[in-house]
Amino acid sequence: MTEYELLEELAKELGLPEIEPGEVTAQMVADYTGVSNSQAMRTLKAKESAGLLKSRMVKMPNNHPARAFRKAA
């Protein structure tokens, strides 16, 4: 195994998963509704606390990390 192959393997293990269909971020909610990003995040976190949503850290298409929310099972 080359150094590059090892690095690629470790990056896959340690890196954040990509956002999936059915997940939204606070920025996505803010853009769609016109509310502020902080208001969108407060609403999403409140719904998560109520057990309506689940969240996880993901990698966005621009490679930036974000918290993504989806409906709780």
Protein backbone atom coordinates (compact mmCIF):
# COMPACT_ATOMS: atom_id res chain seq x y z
CA MET A 1 0.00 0.00 0.00
CA THR A 2 1.37 3.38 -0.94
CA GLU A 3 1.36 6.41 1.32
CA TYR A 4 -1.30 8.00 -0.88
CA GLU A 5 -3.55 4.92 -0.71
CA LEU A 6 -3.23 4.85 3.07
CA LEU A 7 -4.06 8.55 3.30
CA GLU A 8 -7.10 8.07 1.06
CA GLU A 9 -8.31 5.15 3.17
CA LEU A 10 -7.89 7.12 6.40
CA ALA A 11 -9.58 10.18 4.92
CA LYS A 12 -12.64 8.06 4.11
CA GLU A 13 -12.74 6.70 7.65
CA LEU A 14 -12.12 9.98 9.43
CA GLY A 15 -13.84 12.43 7.11
CA LEU A 16 -17.41 13.63 7.41
CA PRO A 17 -20.08 11.92 5.32
CA GLU A 18 -21.69 13.92 2.56
CA ILE A 19 -25.15 15.42 3.03
CA GLU A 20 -27.88 13.09 1.80
CA PRO A 21 -31.25 13.70 0.16
CA GLY A 22 -33.86 14.36 2.83
CA GLU A 23 -31.43 16.27 5.06
CA VAL A 24 -31.44 20.03 5.48
CA THR A 25 -29.12 22.56 7.10
CA ALA A 26 -30.03 25.74 8.91
CA GLN A 27 -28.71 27.72 5.93
CA MET A 28 -30.97 25.79 3.57
CA VAL A 29 -33.99 26.53 5.79
CA ALA A 30 -32.98 30.19 6.07
CA ASP A 31 -32.58 30.53 2.30
CA TYR A 32 -35.92 28.85 1.64
CA THR A 33 -37.97 30.70 4.28
CA GLY A 34 -36.23 34.06 4.44
CA VAL A 35 -35.57 33.83 8.19
CA SER A 36 -32.11 34.36 9.64
CA ASN A 37 -29.66 31.49 9.89
CA SER A 38 -29.70 31.74 13.68
CA GLN A 39 -33.52 31.58 13.79
CA ALA A 40 -33.48 28.56 11.49
CA MET A 41 -30.90 26.83 13.73
CA ARG A 42 -32.90 27.60 16.89
CA THR A 43 -36.01 26.10 15.30
CA LEU A 44 -34.18 23.00 14.09
CA LYS A 45 -32.51 22.44 17.48
CA ALA A 46 -35.86 22.87 19.26
CA LYS A 47 -37.41 20.24 16.99
CA GLU A 48 -34.44 17.98 17.65
CA SER A 49 -34.88 18.42 21.42
CA ALA A 50 -38.55 17.52 21.01
CA GLY A 51 -37.56 14.30 19.25
CA LEU A 52 -38.94 15.32 15.87
CA LEU A 53 -35.56 15.62 14.13
CA LYS A 54 -32.13 13.98 14.30
CA SER A 55 -28.89 15.67 13.33
CA ARG A 56 -25.36 14.79 12.32
CA MET A 57 -22.29 16.57 11.03
CA VAL A 58 -21.85 16.34 7.26
CA LYS A 59 -19.66 17.66 4.50
CA MET A 60 -21.38 20.05 2.10
CA PRO A 61 -20.67 20.09 -1.66
CA ASN A 62 -18.25 23.00 -1.06
CA ASN A 63 -16.37 20.74 1.44
CA HIS A 64 -17.44 22.85 4.43
CA PRO A 65 -18.82 21.06 7.49
CA ALA A 66 -22.41 21.64 8.53
CA ARG A 67 -25.00 20.15 10.87
CA ALA A 68 -27.68 18.39 8.82
CA PHE A 69 -31.12 17.57 10.16
CA ARG A 70 -33.56 14.88 9.08
CA LYS A 71 -36.87 13.51 10.37
CA ALA A 72 -36.51 11.20 13.36
CA ALA A 73 -37.41 7.61 12.62
